[in-house]
Amino acid sequence: MGLDDKARNAAQDLGGKAKEAVGDATDNERLEAEGNADQAGANIKQAGENVKDAFR
């Protein structure tokens, strides 16, 4: 797994956490859901990269 892939996944996860926090603070359920979706996407990508690394 490349360092840039790790950085992109971490950035997507942090962005999702920020969206979720802003959505929670402003009672914006749509923004909160987008944040959760961004975090889930980052976690799925990270898991896929970990599987690739295991087979190297």
Protein backbone atom coordinates (compact mmCIF):
# COMPACT_ATOMS: atom_id res chain seq x y z
CA MET A 1 0.00 0.00 0.00
CA GLY A 2 1.39 3.32 -0.98
CA LEU A 3 1.86 6.13 1.44
CA ASP A 4 -0.32 8.36 -0.73
CA ASP A 5 -3.20 5.85 -0.50
CA LYS A 6 -2.94 5.85 3.29
CA ALA A 7 -2.94 9.64 3.30
CA ARG A 8 -6.00 9.84 1.03
CA ASN A 9 -7.91 7.34 3.20
CA ALA A 10 -6.97 9.23 6.36
CA ALA A 11 -8.00 12.54 4.80
CA GLN A 12 -11.35 11.10 3.72
CA ASP A 13 -11.91 9.71 7.22
CA LEU A 14 -11.05 13.04 8.87
CA GLY A 15 -13.26 14.91 6.42
CA GLY A 16 -16.10 12.56 7.26
CA LYS A 17 -15.59 13.09 10.97
CA ALA A 18 -15.64 16.85 10.45
CA LYS A 19 -18.85 16.68 8.39
CA GLU A 20 -20.46 14.47 11.01
CA ALA A 21 -19.49 16.87 13.81
CA VAL A 22 -20.77 19.94 11.96
CA GLY A 23 -23.98 18.11 11.06
CA ASP A 24 -24.48 17.09 14.68
CA ALA A 25 -23.80 20.60 15.96
CA THR A 26 -26.23 22.19 13.51
CA ASP A 27 -28.86 19.42 13.62
CA ASN A 28 -28.28 18.83 9.90
CA GLU A 29 -29.04 15.13 9.49
CA ARG A 30 -28.05 15.08 5.81
CA LEU A 31 -24.57 16.43 6.53
CA GLU A 32 -24.18 14.04 9.44
CA ALA A 33 -25.13 11.11 7.21
CA GLU A 34 -22.67 12.26 4.52
CA GLY A 35 -19.94 12.30 7.16
CA ASN A 36 -20.78 8.78 8.24
CA ALA A 37 -20.77 7.63 4.61
CA ASP A 38 -17.36 9.24 3.99
CA GLN A 39 -15.94 7.49 7.04
CA ALA A 40 -17.40 4.14 5.95
CA GLY A 41 -15.95 4.57 2.47
CA ALA A 42 -12.51 5.31 3.89
CA ASN A 43 -12.71 2.26 6.14
CA ILE A 44 -13.69 0.01 3.23
CA LYS A 45 -10.82 1.31 1.10
CA GLN A 46 -8.41 0.81 3.99
CA ALA A 47 -9.60 -2.78 4.48
CA GLY A 48 -9.12 -3.49 0.77
CA GLU A 49 -5.60 -2.11 0.89
CA ASN A 50 -4.84 -4.24 3.96
CA VAL A 51 -5.99 -7.36 2.09
CA LYS A 52 -3.73 -6.46 -0.83
CA ASP A 53 -0.82 -5.98 1.57
CA ALA A 54 -1.45 -9.37 3.18
CA PHE A 55 -0.97 -11.13 -0.16
CA ARG A 56 2.31 -9.43 -1.04
